[in-house]
PDB file of N, CA and C in Angstrom:
ATOM      1  N   MET A   1       1.726   7.642   4.820  1.00  0.00           N
ATOM      2  CA  MET A   1       0.992   7.713   3.568  1.00  0.00           C
ATOM      3  C   MET A   1       0.932   9.171   3.140  1.00  0.00           C
ATOM      4  N   GLU A   2       0.993   9.373   1.865  1.00  0.00           N
ATOM      5  CA  GLU A   2       0.921  10.713   1.283  1.00  0.00           C
ATOM      6  C   GLU A   2      -0.333  10.820   0.424  1.00  0.00           C
ATOM      7  N   ASN A   3      -0.641  12.046   0.010  1.00  0.00           N
ATOM      8  CA  ASN A   3      -1.803  12.280  -0.853  1.00  0.00           C
ATOM      9  C   ASN A   3      -1.787  11.375  -2.083  1.00  0.00           C
ATOM     10  N   GLU A   4      -0.588  11.162  -2.666  1.00  0.00           N
ATOM     11  CA  GLU A   4      -0.480  10.384  -3.900  1.00  0.00           C
ATOM     12  C   GLU A   4      -0.934   8.937  -3.719  1.00  0.00           C
ATOM     13  N   SER A   5      -0.865   8.425  -2.501  1.00  0.00           N
ATOM     14  CA  SER A   5      -1.347   7.071  -2.219  1.00  0.00           C
ATOM     15  C   SER A   5      -2.782   7.086  -1.713  1.00  0.00           C
ATOM     16  N   ALA A   6      -3.124   8.100  -0.943  1.00  0.00           N
ATOM     17  CA  ALA A   6      -4.461   8.162  -0.347  1.00  0.00           C
ATOM     18  C   ALA A   6      -5.538   8.420  -1.394  1.00  0.00           C
ATOM     19  N   ILE A   7      -5.261   9.274  -2.355  1.00  0.00           N
ATOM     20  CA  ILE A   7      -6.289   9.645  -3.333  1.00  0.00           C
ATOM     21  C   ILE A   7      -6.754   8.441  -4.156  1.00  0.00           C
ATOM     22  N   PRO A   8      -5.846   7.610  -4.709  1.00  0.00           N
ATOM     23  CA  PRO A   8      -6.349   6.424  -5.429  1.00  0.00           C
ATOM     24  C   PRO A   8      -7.122   5.455  -4.529  1.00  0.00           C
ATOM     25  N   ALA A   9      -6.686   5.305  -3.286  1.00  0.00           N
ATOM     26  CA  ALA A   9      -7.387   4.412  -2.367  1.00  0.00           C
ATOM     27  C   ALA A   9      -8.788   4.937  -2.072  1.00  0.00           C
ATOM     28  N   LEU A  10      -8.883   6.214  -1.786  1.00  0.00           N
ATOM     29  CA  LEU A  10     -10.199   6.790  -1.512  1.00  0.00           C
ATOM     30  C   LEU A  10     -11.081   6.752  -2.755  1.00  0.00           C
ATOM     31  N   GLY A  11     -10.483   7.004  -3.908  1.00  0.00           N
ATOM     32  CA  GLY A  11     -11.233   6.942  -5.163  1.00  0.00           C
ATOM     33  C   GLY A  11     -11.751   5.539  -5.434  1.00  0.00           C
ATOM     34  N   ALA A  12     -10.926   4.535  -5.148  1.00  0.00           N
ATOM     35  CA  ALA A  12     -11.347   3.147  -5.359  1.00  0.00           C
ATOM     36  C   ALA A  12     -12.530   2.797  -4.470  1.00  0.00           C
ATOM     37  N   LEU A  13     -12.527   3.308  -3.258  1.00  0.00           N
ATOM     38  CA  LEU A  13     -13.607   3.009  -2.315  1.00  0.00           C
ATOM     39  C   LEU A  13     -14.834   3.891  -2.525  1.00  0.00           C
ATOM     40  N   ALA A  14     -14.727   4.879  -3.396  1.00  0.00           N
ATOM     41  CA  ALA A  14     -15.830   5.816  -3.616  1.00  0.00           C
ATOM     42  C   ALA A  14     -16.825   5.299  -4.654  1.00  0.00           C
ATOM     43  N   GLN A  15     -16.845   4.003  -4.876  1.00  0.00           N
ATOM     44  CA  GLN A  15     -17.785   3.380  -5.791  1.00  0.00           C
ATOM     45  C   GLN A  15     -18.464   2.241  -5.031  1.00  0.00           C
ATOM     46  N   ALA A  16     -19.756   2.139  -5.150  1.00  0.00           N
ATOM     47  CA  ALA A  16     -20.550   1.239  -4.303  1.00  0.00           C
ATOM     48  C   ALA A  16     -20.099  -0.222  -4.371  1.00  0.00           C
ATOM     49  N   THR A  17     -19.908  -0.763  -5.551  1.00  0.00           N
ATOM     50  CA  THR A  17     -19.527  -2.171  -5.660  1.00  0.00           C
ATOM     51  C   THR A  17     -18.153  -2.409  -5.059  1.00  0.00           C
ATOM     52  N   ARG A  18     -17.199  -1.519  -5.345  1.00  0.00           N
ATOM     53  CA  ARG A  18     -15.853  -1.695  -4.801  1.00  0.00           C
ATOM     54  C   ARG A  18     -15.855  -1.572  -3.280  1.00  0.00           C
ATOM     55  N   LEU A  19     -16.652  -0.679  -2.743  1.00  0.00           N
ATOM     56  CA  LEU A  19     -16.763  -0.572  -1.290  1.00  0.00           C
ATOM     57  C   LEU A  19     -17.339  -1.862  -0.714  1.00  0.00           C
ATOM     58  N   ASP A  20     -18.353  -2.421  -1.365  1.00  0.00           N
ATOM     59  CA  ASP A  20     -18.933  -3.691  -0.921  1.00  0.00           C
ATOM     60  C   ASP A  20     -17.900  -4.819  -0.985  1.00  0.00           C
ATOM     61  N   VAL A  21     -17.104  -4.850  -2.056  1.00  0.00           N
ATOM     62  CA  VAL A  21     -16.067  -5.871  -2.198  1.00  0.00           C
ATOM     63  C   VAL A  21     -15.065  -5.756  -1.059  1.00  0.00           C
ATOM     64  N   PHE A  22     -14.594  -4.547  -0.801  1.00  0.00           N
ATOM     65  CA  PHE A  22     -13.594  -4.362   0.239  1.00  0.00           C
ATOM     66  C   PHE A  22     -14.146  -4.763   1.602  1.00  0.00           C
ATOM     67  N   ARG A  23     -15.353  -4.359   1.910  1.00  0.00           N
ATOM     68  CA  ARG A  23     -15.956  -4.715   3.193  1.00  0.00           C
ATOM     69  C   ARG A  23     -16.146  -6.228   3.308  1.00  0.00           C
ATOM     70  N   LEU A  24     -16.535  -6.891   2.222  1.00  0.00           N
ATOM     71  CA  LEU A  24     -16.682  -8.342   2.211  1.00  0.00           C
ATOM     72  C   LEU A  24     -15.328  -9.010   2.483  1.00  0.00           C
ATOM     73  N   LEU A  25     -14.287  -8.520   1.835  1.00  0.00           N
ATOM     74  CA  LEU A  25     -12.963  -9.102   2.034  1.00  0.00           C
ATOM     75  C   LEU A  25     -12.453  -8.878   3.457  1.00  0.00           C
ATOM     76  N   VAL A  26     -12.757  -7.734   4.037  1.00  0.00           N
ATOM     77  CA  VAL A  26     -12.358  -7.491   5.431  1.00  0.00           C
ATOM     78  C   VAL A  26     -13.028  -8.508   6.341  1.00  0.00           C
ATOM     79  N   ARG A  27     -14.297  -8.820   6.074  1.00  0.00           N
ATOM     80  CA  ARG A  27     -15.013  -9.798   6.898  1.00  0.00           C
ATOM     81  C   ARG A  27     -14.450 -11.212   6.731  1.00  0.00           C
ATOM     82  N   HIS A  28     -13.761 -11.470   5.647  1.00  0.00           N
ATOM     83  CA  HIS A  28     -13.225 -12.810   5.380  1.00  0.00           C
ATOM     84  C   HIS A  28     -11.709 -12.897   5.590  1.00  0.00           C
ATOM     85  N   GLU A  29     -11.174 -11.961   6.330  1.00  0.00           N
ATOM     86  CA  GLU A  29      -9.754 -12.040   6.673  1.00  0.00           C
ATOM     87  C   GLU A  29      -9.566 -13.100   7.736  1.00  0.00           C
ATOM     88  N   PRO A  30      -8.520 -13.853   7.744  1.00  0.00           N
ATOM     89  CA  PRO A  30      -7.354 -13.777   6.865  1.00  0.00           C
ATOM     90  C   PRO A  30      -7.428 -14.712   5.661  1.00  0.00           C
ATOM     91  N   ASP A  31      -8.519 -15.470   5.522  1.00  0.00           N
ATOM     92  CA  ASP A  31      -8.591 -16.478   4.468  1.00  0.00           C
ATOM     93  C   ASP A  31      -8.801 -15.912   3.075  1.00  0.00           C
ATOM     94  N   GLY A  32      -9.523 -14.803   2.974  1.00  0.00           N
ATOM     95  CA  GLY A  32      -9.813 -14.234   1.663  1.00  0.00           C
ATOM     96  C   GLY A  32     -10.891 -15.014   0.941  1.00  0.00           C
ATOM     97  N   LEU A  33     -11.160 -14.590  -0.283  1.00  0.00           N
ATOM     98  CA  LEU A  33     -12.185 -15.231  -1.108  1.00  0.00           C
ATOM     99  C   LEU A  33     -11.706 -15.293  -2.553  1.00  0.00           C
ATOM    100  N   ALA A  34     -12.168 -16.312  -3.250  1.00  0.00           N
ATOM    101  CA  ALA A  34     -11.897 -16.408  -4.685  1.00  0.00           C
ATOM    102  C   ALA A  34     -12.717 -15.348  -5.416  1.00  0.00           C
ATOM    103  N   ALA A  35     -12.190 -14.895  -6.536  1.00  0.00           N
ATOM    104  CA  ALA A  35     -12.858 -13.849  -7.309  1.00  0.00           C
ATOM    105  C   ALA A  35     -14.282 -14.259  -7.686  1.00  0.00           C
ATOM    106  N   GLY A  36     -14.453 -15.514  -8.105  1.00  0.00           N
ATOM    107  CA  GLY A  36     -15.785 -15.987  -8.472  1.00  0.00           C
ATOM    108  C   GLY A  36     -16.755 -15.975  -7.307  1.00  0.00           C
ATOM    109  N   GLU A  37     -16.267 -16.289  -6.127  1.00  0.00           N
ATOM    110  CA  GLU A  37     -17.123 -16.284  -4.930  1.00  0.00           C
ATOM    111  C   GLU A  37     -17.515 -14.855  -4.558  1.00  0.00           C
ATOM    112  N   ILE A  38     -16.589 -13.934  -4.715  1.00  0.00           N
ATOM    113  CA  ILE A  38     -16.918 -12.523  -4.453  1.00  0.00           C
ATOM    114  C   ILE A  38     -18.019 -12.083  -5.402  1.00  0.00           C
ATOM    115  N   ALA A  39     -17.856 -12.401  -6.683  1.00  0.00           N
ATOM    116  CA  ALA A  39     -18.865 -12.033  -7.684  1.00  0.00           C
ATOM    117  C   ALA A  39     -20.211 -12.662  -7.349  1.00  0.00           C
ATOM    118  N   ARG A  40     -20.197 -13.936  -6.943  1.00  0.00           N
ATOM    119  CA  ARG A  40     -21.447 -14.626  -6.609  1.00  0.00           C
ATOM    120  C   ARG A  40     -22.129 -13.987  -5.412  1.00  0.00           C
ATOM    121  N   GLN A  41     -21.352 -13.738  -4.351  1.00  0.00           N
ATOM    122  CA  GLN A  41     -21.956 -13.185  -3.132  1.00  0.00           C
ATOM    123  C   GLN A  41     -22.520 -11.784  -3.351  1.00  0.00           C
ATOM    124  N   LEU A  42     -21.887 -11.017  -4.227  1.00  0.00           N
ATOM    125  CA  LEU A  42     -22.363  -9.649  -4.465  1.00  0.00           C
ATOM    126  C   LEU A  42     -23.249  -9.542  -5.698  1.00  0.00           C
ATOM    127  N   ASP A  43     -23.513 -10.682  -6.354  1.00  0.00           N
ATOM    128  CA  ASP A  43     -24.367 -10.729  -7.544  1.00  0.00           C
ATOM    129  C   ASP A  43     -23.891  -9.741  -8.607  1.00  0.00           C
ATOM    130  N   VAL A  44     -22.602  -9.874  -8.942  1.00  0.00           N
ATOM    131  CA  VAL A  44     -21.970  -9.016  -9.951  1.00  0.00           C
ATOM    132  C   VAL A  44     -21.361  -9.938 -11.007  1.00  0.00           C
ATOM    133  N   PRO A  45     -21.507  -9.630 -12.302  1.00  0.00           N
ATOM    134  CA  PRO A  45     -20.881 -10.472 -13.333  1.00  0.00           C
ATOM    135  C   PRO A  45     -19.372 -10.580 -13.106  1.00  0.00           C
ATOM    136  N   GLN A  46     -18.814 -11.762 -13.407  1.00  0.00           N
ATOM    137  CA  GLN A  46     -17.401 -11.995 -13.122  1.00  0.00           C
ATOM    138  C   GLN A  46     -16.471 -11.038 -13.860  1.00  0.00           C
ATOM    139  N   ASN A  47     -16.783 -10.697 -15.112  1.00  0.00           N
ATOM    140  CA  ASN A  47     -15.893  -9.780 -15.834  1.00  0.00           C
ATOM    141  C   ASN A  47     -15.933  -8.380 -15.219  1.00  0.00           C
ATOM    142  N   THR A  48     -17.084  -7.970 -14.739  1.00  0.00           N
ATOM    143  CA  THR A  48     -17.195  -6.681 -14.052  1.00  0.00           C
ATOM    144  C   THR A  48     -16.440  -6.732 -12.731  1.00  0.00           C
ATOM    145  N   MET A  49     -16.560  -7.860 -12.023  1.00  0.00           N
ATOM    146  CA  MET A  49     -15.862  -8.012 -10.753  1.00  0.00           C
ATOM    147  C   MET A  49     -14.353  -7.944 -10.962  1.00  0.00           C
ATOM    148  N   SER A  50     -13.856  -8.531 -12.027  1.00  0.00           N
ATOM    149  CA  SER A  50     -12.423  -8.486 -12.313  1.00  0.00           C
ATOM    150  C   SER A  50     -11.936  -7.046 -12.451  1.00  0.00           C
ATOM    151  N   ALA A  51     -12.723  -6.225 -13.106  1.00  0.00           N
ATOM    152  CA  ALA A  51     -12.348  -4.815 -13.261  1.00  0.00           C
ATOM    153  C   ALA A  51     -12.315  -4.116 -11.902  1.00  0.00           C
ATOM    154  N   HIS A  52     -13.307  -4.370 -11.070  1.00  0.00           N
ATOM    155  CA  HIS A  52     -13.351  -3.758  -9.736  1.00  0.00           C
ATOM    156  C   HIS A  52     -12.172  -4.220  -8.887  1.00  0.00           C
ATOM    157  N   LEU A  53     -11.876  -5.511  -8.926  1.00  0.00           N
ATOM    158  CA  LEU A  53     -10.755  -6.038  -8.157  1.00  0.00           C
ATOM    159  C   LEU A  53      -9.429  -5.455  -8.639  1.00  0.00           C
ATOM    160  N   GLY A  54      -9.307  -5.241  -9.938  1.00  0.00           N
ATOM    161  CA  GLY A  54      -8.104  -4.621 -10.480  1.00  0.00           C
ATOM    162  C   GLY A  54      -7.906  -3.205  -9.971  1.00  0.00           C
ATOM    163  N   ILE A  55      -8.976  -2.452  -9.893  1.00  0.00           N
ATOM    164  CA  ILE A  55      -8.899  -1.084  -9.381  1.00  0.00           C
ATOM    165  C   ILE A  55      -8.501  -1.090  -7.911  1.00  0.00           C
ATOM    166  N   LEU A  56      -9.105  -1.973  -7.133  1.00  0.00           N
ATOM    167  CA  LEU A  56      -8.748  -2.074  -5.710  1.00  0.00           C
ATOM    168  C   LEU A  56      -7.299  -2.506  -5.528  1.00  0.00           C
ATOM    169  N   ALA A  57      -6.835  -3.414  -6.372  1.00  0.00           N
ATOM    170  CA  ALA A  57      -5.446  -3.876  -6.279  1.00  0.00           C
ATOM    171  C   ALA A  57      -4.479  -2.752  -6.645  1.00  0.00           C
ATOM    172  N   ARG A  58      -4.756  -2.017  -7.711  1.00  0.00           N
ATOM    173  CA  ARG A  58      -3.878  -0.902  -8.101  1.00  0.00           C
ATOM    174  C   ARG A  58      -3.856   0.191  -7.047  1.00  0.00           C
ATOM    175  N   ALA A  59      -4.939   0.329  -6.298  1.00  0.00           N
ATOM    176  CA  ALA A  59      -4.994   1.313  -5.214  1.00  0.00           C
ATOM    177  C   ALA A  59      -4.295   0.797  -3.961  1.00  0.00           C
ATOM    178  N   GLY A  60      -3.870  -0.458  -3.977  1.00  0.00           N
ATOM    179  CA  GLY A  60      -3.153  -1.027  -2.847  1.00  0.00           C
ATOM    180  C   GLY A  60      -4.035  -1.522  -1.718  1.00  0.00           C
ATOM    181  N   LEU A  61      -5.318  -1.703  -1.980  1.00  0.00           N
ATOM    182  CA  LEU A  61      -6.248  -2.107  -0.921  1.00  0.00           C
ATOM    183  C   LEU A  61      -6.490  -3.603  -0.847  1.00  0.00           C
ATOM    184  N   VAL A  62      -6.213  -4.318  -1.927  1.00  0.00           N
ATOM    185  CA  VAL A  62      -6.364  -5.773  -1.916  1.00  0.00           C
ATOM    186  C   VAL A  62      -5.109  -6.421  -2.489  1.00  0.00           C
ATOM    187  N   ARG A  63      -4.873  -7.652  -2.042  1.00  0.00           N
ATOM    188  CA  ARG A  63      -3.773  -8.478  -2.536  1.00  0.00           C
ATOM    189  C   ARG A  63      -4.380  -9.741  -3.115  1.00  0.00           C
ATOM    190  N   SER A  64      -3.674 -10.333  -4.050  1.00  0.00           N
ATOM    191  CA  SER A  64      -4.175 -11.576  -4.637  1.00  0.00           C
ATOM    192  C   SER A  64      -3.059 -12.602  -4.699  1.00  0.00           C
ATOM    193  N   GLU A  65      -3.476 -13.873  -4.616  1.00  0.00           N
ATOM    194  CA  GLU A  65      -2.569 -15.004  -4.746  1.00  0.00           C
ATOM    195  C   GLU A  65      -3.268 -16.070  -5.559  1.00  0.00           C
ATOM    196  N   ARG A  66      -2.526 -16.675  -6.443  1.00  0.00           N
ATOM    197  CA  ARG A  66      -3.084 -17.759  -7.251  1.00  0.00           C
ATOM    198  C   ARG A  66      -2.936 -19.078  -6.498  1.00  0.00           C
ATOM    199  N   TYR A  67      -4.027 -19.819  -6.404  1.00  0.00           N
ATOM    200  CA  TYR A  67      -4.049 -21.174  -5.860  1.00  0.00           C
ATOM    201  C   TYR A  67      -4.705 -22.053  -6.908  1.00  0.00           C
ATOM    202  N   SER A  68      -3.912 -22.865  -7.547  1.00  0.00           N
ATOM    203  CA  SER A  68      -4.399 -23.735  -8.595  1.00  0.00           C
ATOM    204  C   SER A  68      -5.077 -22.883  -9.668  1.00  0.00           C
ATOM    205  N   ARG A  69      -6.359 -23.084  -9.886  1.00  0.00           N
ATOM    206  CA  ARG A  69      -7.057 -22.305 -10.917  1.00  0.00           C
ATOM    207  C   ARG A  69      -7.776 -21.084 -10.355  1.00  0.00           C
ATOM    208  N   SER A  70      -7.703 -20.877  -9.064  1.00  0.00           N
ATOM    209  CA  SER A  70      -8.404 -19.755  -8.432  1.00  0.00           C
ATOM    210  C   SER A  70      -7.429 -18.648  -8.045  1.00  0.00           C
ATOM    211  N   ILE A  71      -7.933 -17.452  -8.051  1.00  0.00           N
ATOM    212  CA  ILE A  71      -7.188 -16.322  -7.499  1.00  0.00           C
ATOM    213  C   ILE A  71      -7.920 -15.908  -6.232  1.00  0.00           C
ATOM    214  N   ILE A  72      -7.199 -15.940  -5.127  1.00  0.00           N
ATOM    215  CA  ILE A  72      -7.771 -15.586  -3.829  1.00  0.00           C
ATOM    216  C   ILE A  72      -7.411 -14.136  -3.533  1.00  0.00           C
ATOM    217  N   TYR A  73      -8.422 -13.362  -3.200  1.00  0.00           N
ATOM    218  CA  TYR A  73      -8.226 -11.942  -2.872  1.00  0.00           C
ATOM    219  C   TYR A  73      -8.376 -11.743  -1.372  1.00  0.00           C
ATOM    220  N   ARG A  74      -7.535 -10.871  -0.856  1.00  0.00           N
ATOM    221  CA  ARG A  74      -7.572 -10.514   0.563  1.00  0.00           C
ATOM    222  C   ARG A  74      -7.504  -9.003   0.693  1.00  0.00           C
ATOM    223  N   ALA A  75      -8.185  -8.494   1.695  1.00  0.00           N
ATOM    224  CA  ALA A  75      -8.069  -7.071   2.011  1.00  0.00           C
ATOM    225  C   ALA A  75      -6.689  -6.835   2.603  1.00  0.00           C
ATOM    226  N   ASP A  76      -6.059  -5.748   2.225  1.00  0.00           N
ATOM    227  CA  ASP A  76      -4.768  -5.389   2.805  1.00  0.00           C
ATOM    228  C   ASP A  76      -5.045  -4.501   4.018  1.00  0.00           C
ATOM    229  N   LEU A  77      -5.077  -5.116   5.183  1.00  0.00           N
ATOM    230  CA  LEU A  77      -5.434  -4.392   6.398  1.00  0.00           C
ATOM    231  C   LEU A  77      -4.376  -3.368   6.790  1.00  0.00           C
ATOM    232  N   ASP A  78      -3.121  -3.606   6.414  1.00  0.00           N
ATOM    233  CA  ASP A  78      -2.086  -2.594   6.666  1.00  0.00           C
ATOM    234  C   ASP A  78      -2.350  -1.337   5.847  1.00  0.00           C
ATOM    235  N   ALA A  79      -2.801  -1.519   4.612  1.00  0.00           N
ATOM    236  CA  ALA A  79      -3.137  -0.370   3.772  1.00  0.00           C
ATOM    237  C   ALA A  79      -4.342   0.376   4.346  1.00  0.00           C
ATOM    238  N   LEU A  80      -5.326  -0.369   4.845  1.00  0.00           N
ATOM    239  CA  LEU A  80      -6.495   0.266   5.476  1.00  0.00           C
ATOM    240  C   LEU A  80      -6.079   1.064   6.698  1.00  0.00           C
ATOM    241  N   ARG A  81      -5.221   0.470   7.528  1.00  0.00           N
ATOM    242  CA  ARG A  81      -4.730   1.166   8.717  1.00  0.00           C
ATOM    243  C   ARG A  81      -3.999   2.449   8.325  1.00  0.00           C
ATOM    244  N   ALA A  82      -3.130   2.361   7.325  1.00  0.00           N
ATOM    245  CA  ALA A  82      -2.385   3.542   6.876  1.00  0.00           C
ATOM    246  C   ALA A  82      -3.326   4.620   6.358  1.00  0.00           C
ATOM    247  N   LEU A  83      -4.360   4.224   5.632  1.00  0.00           N
ATOM    248  CA  LEU A  83      -5.321   5.189   5.109  1.00  0.00           C
ATOM    249  C   LEU A  83      -6.091   5.858   6.241  1.00  0.00           C
ATOM    250  N   MET A  84      -6.544   5.068   7.199  1.00  0.00           N
ATOM    251  CA  MET A  84      -7.282   5.642   8.332  1.00  0.00           C
ATOM    252  C   MET A  84      -6.394   6.574   9.151  1.00  0.00           C
ATOM    253  N   LEU A  85      -5.158   6.181   9.386  1.00  0.00           N
ATOM    254  CA  LEU A  85      -4.238   7.057  10.126  1.00  0.00           C
ATOM    255  C   LEU A  85      -3.962   8.334   9.352  1.00  0.00           C
ATOM    256  N   PHE A  86      -3.846   8.225   8.032  1.00  0.00           N
ATOM    257  CA  PHE A  86      -3.654   9.408   7.198  1.00  0.00           C
ATOM    258  C   PHE A  86      -4.819  10.382   7.363  1.00  0.00           C
ATOM    259  N   LEU A  87      -6.035   9.831   7.390  1.00  0.00           N
ATOM    260  CA  LEU A  87      -7.226  10.683   7.486  1.00  0.00           C
ATOM    261  C   LEU A  87      -7.338  11.391   8.832  1.00  0.00           C
ATOM    262  N   VAL A  88      -6.880  10.747   9.897  1.00  0.00           N
ATOM    263  CA  VAL A  88      -7.046  11.336  11.222  1.00  0.00           C
ATOM    264  C   VAL A  88      -5.738  11.844  11.826  1.00  0.00           C
ATOM    265  N   LYS A  89      -4.667  11.823  11.039  1.00  0.00           N
ATOM    266  CA  LYS A  89      -3.348  12.201  11.545  1.00  0.00           C
ATOM    267  C   LYS A  89      -3.364  13.557  12.234  1.00  0.00           C
ATOM    268  N   ASP A  90      -3.979  14.510  11.639  1.00  0.00           N
ATOM    269  CA  ASP A  90      -4.024  15.849  12.213  1.00  0.00           C
ATOM    270  C   ASP A  90      -5.370  16.108  12.879  1.00  0.00           C
ATOM    271  N   CYS A  91      -5.948  15.054  13.386  1.00  0.00           N
ATOM    272  CA  CYS A  91      -7.268  15.103  13.989  1.00  0.00           C
ATOM    273  C   CYS A  91      -7.366  16.205  15.043  1.00  0.00           C
ATOM    274  N   CYS A  92      -8.340  17.021  14.889  1.00  0.00           N
ATOM    275  CA  CYS A  92      -8.700  18.011  15.906  1.00  0.00           C
ATOM    276  C   CYS A  92      -7.534  18.944  16.242  1.00  0.00           C
ATOM    277  N   GLU A  93      -6.675  19.204  15.270  1.00  0.00           N
ATOM    278  CA  GLU A  93      -5.567  20.144  15.421  1.00  0.00           C
ATOM    279  C   GLU A  93      -4.702  19.846  16.647  1.00  0.00           C
ATOM    280  N   GLY A  94      -4.400  18.569  16.849  1.00  0.00           N
ATOM    281  CA  GLY A  94      -3.521  18.196  17.946  1.00  0.00           C
ATOM    282  C   GLY A  94      -4.193  18.073  19.297  1.00  0.00           C
ATOM    283  N   ARG A  95      -5.472  18.295  19.379  1.00  0.00           N
ATOM    284  CA  ARG A  95      -6.203  18.167  20.644  1.00  0.00           C
ATOM    285  C   ARG A  95      -6.735  16.742  20.742  1.00  0.00           C
ATOM    286  N   ALA A  96      -5.874  15.868  21.219  1.00  0.00           N
ATOM    287  CA  ALA A  96      -6.159  14.434  21.232  1.00  0.00           C
ATOM    288  C   ALA A  96      -7.454  14.089  21.959  1.00  0.00           C
ATOM    289  N   GLU A  97      -7.812  14.862  22.969  1.00  0.00           N
ATOM    290  CA  GLU A  97      -9.032  14.542  23.726  1.00  0.00           C
ATOM    291  C   GLU A  97     -10.277  14.596  22.848  1.00  0.00           C
ATOM    292  N   LEU A  98     -10.229  15.358  21.770  1.00  0.00           N
ATOM    293  CA  LEU A  98     -11.372  15.426  20.864  1.00  0.00           C
ATOM    294  C   LEU A  98     -11.472  14.177  19.985  1.00  0.00           C
ATOM    295  N   CYS A  99     -10.381  13.445  19.858  1.00  0.00           N
ATOM    296  CA  CYS A  99     -10.365  12.229  19.036  1.00  0.00           C
ATOM    297  C   CYS A  99     -10.712  10.973  19.833  1.00  0.00           C
ATOM    298  N   HIS A 100     -10.819  11.086  21.146  1.00  0.00           N
ATOM    299  CA  HIS A 100     -11.094   9.900  21.952  1.00  0.00           C
ATOM    300  C   HIS A 100     -12.363   9.164  21.556  1.00  0.00           C
ATOM    301  N   PRO A 101     -13.463   9.847  21.235  1.00  0.00           N
ATOM    302  CA  PRO A 101     -14.646   9.072  20.821  1.00  0.00           C
ATOM    303  C   PRO A 101     -14.371   8.200  19.593  1.00  0.00           C
ATOM    304  N   LEU A 102     -13.618   8.717  18.636  1.00  0.00           N
ATOM    305  CA  LEU A 102     -13.267   7.937  17.453  1.00  0.00           C
ATOM    306  C   LEU A 102     -12.388   6.755  17.843  1.00  0.00           C
ATOM    307  N   ALA A 103     -11.379   7.011  18.642  1.00  0.00           N
ATOM    308  CA  ALA A 103     -10.474   5.944  19.081  1.00  0.00           C
ATOM    309  C   ALA A 103     -11.231   4.882  19.870  1.00  0.00           C
ATOM    310  N   ASP A 104     -12.143   5.307  20.727  1.00  0.00           N
ATOM    311  CA  ASP A 104     -12.919   4.354  21.520  1.00  0.00           C
ATOM    312  C   ASP A 104     -13.777   3.455  20.625  1.00  0.00           C
ATOM    313  N   GLU A 105     -14.392   4.048  19.594  1.00  0.00           N
ATOM    314  CA  GLU A 105     -15.210   3.262  18.667  1.00  0.00           C
ATOM    315  C   GLU A 105     -14.371   2.265  17.902  1.00  0.00           C
ATOM    316  N   LEU A 106     -13.183   2.690  17.472  1.00  0.00           N
ATOM    317  CA  LEU A 106     -12.302   1.783  16.742  1.00  0.00           C
ATOM    318  C   LEU A 106     -11.847   0.634  17.633  1.00  0.00           C
ATOM    319  N   LEU A 107     -11.560   0.917  18.884  1.00  0.00           N
ATOM    320  CA  LEU A 107     -11.172  -0.138  19.808  1.00  0.00           C
ATOM    321  C   LEU A 107     -12.330  -1.103  20.063  1.00  0.00           C
ATOM    322  N   ALA A 108     -13.539  -0.586  20.129  1.00  0.00           N
ATOM    323  CA  ALA A 108     -14.704  -1.436  20.332  1.00  0.00           C
ATOM    324  C   ALA A 108     -14.892  -2.377  19.138  1.00  0.00           C
ATOM    325  N   CYS A 109     -14.617  -1.903  17.935  1.00  0.00           N
ATOM    326  CA  CYS A 109     -14.711  -2.757  16.747  1.00  0.00           C
ATOM    327  C   CYS A 109     -13.689  -3.884  16.822  1.00  0.00           C
ATOM    328  N   ARG A 110     -12.529  -3.550  17.303  1.00  0.00           N
ATOM    329  CA  ARG A 110     -11.458  -4.544  17.402  1.00  0.00           C
ATOM    330  C   ARG A 110     -11.818  -5.640  18.405  1.00  0.00           C
ATOM    331  N   ALA A 111     -12.476  -5.260  19.497  1.00  0.00           N
ATOM    332  CA  ALA A 111     -12.836  -6.221  20.530  1.00  0.00           C
ATOM    333  C   ALA A 111     -14.007  -7.110  20.106  1.00  0.00           C
ATOM    334  N   ALA A 112     -14.827  -6.619  19.226  1.00  0.00           N
ATOM    335  CA  ALA A 112     -16.034  -7.366  18.819  1.00  0.00           C
ATOM    336  C   ALA A 112     -15.744  -8.546  17.945  1.00  0.00           C
TER     337      ALA A 112
END
């Protein structure tokens, strides 16, 4: 990942509702959620939710698929992984032992 991809992704997540949407979608992987259900769960008007989902999609953080009359949104976990690796790529100036607490926490999340 390069700055040109990371900046829109970070910008998309730098807004409270969009961050809530992304976290909700991560919790509902791999099934995803319909746009209306996301709006309902977060108590956000559907037209406002559509705008937020569009920003997240353009940033590459969510994917959508149409099923009948619904659009199902999913978090793009590969994009999240790439963003996190981008942020910590040069972690601690190559002193990997300083990054172990972060790595340990991430592994604990995976096991939970």
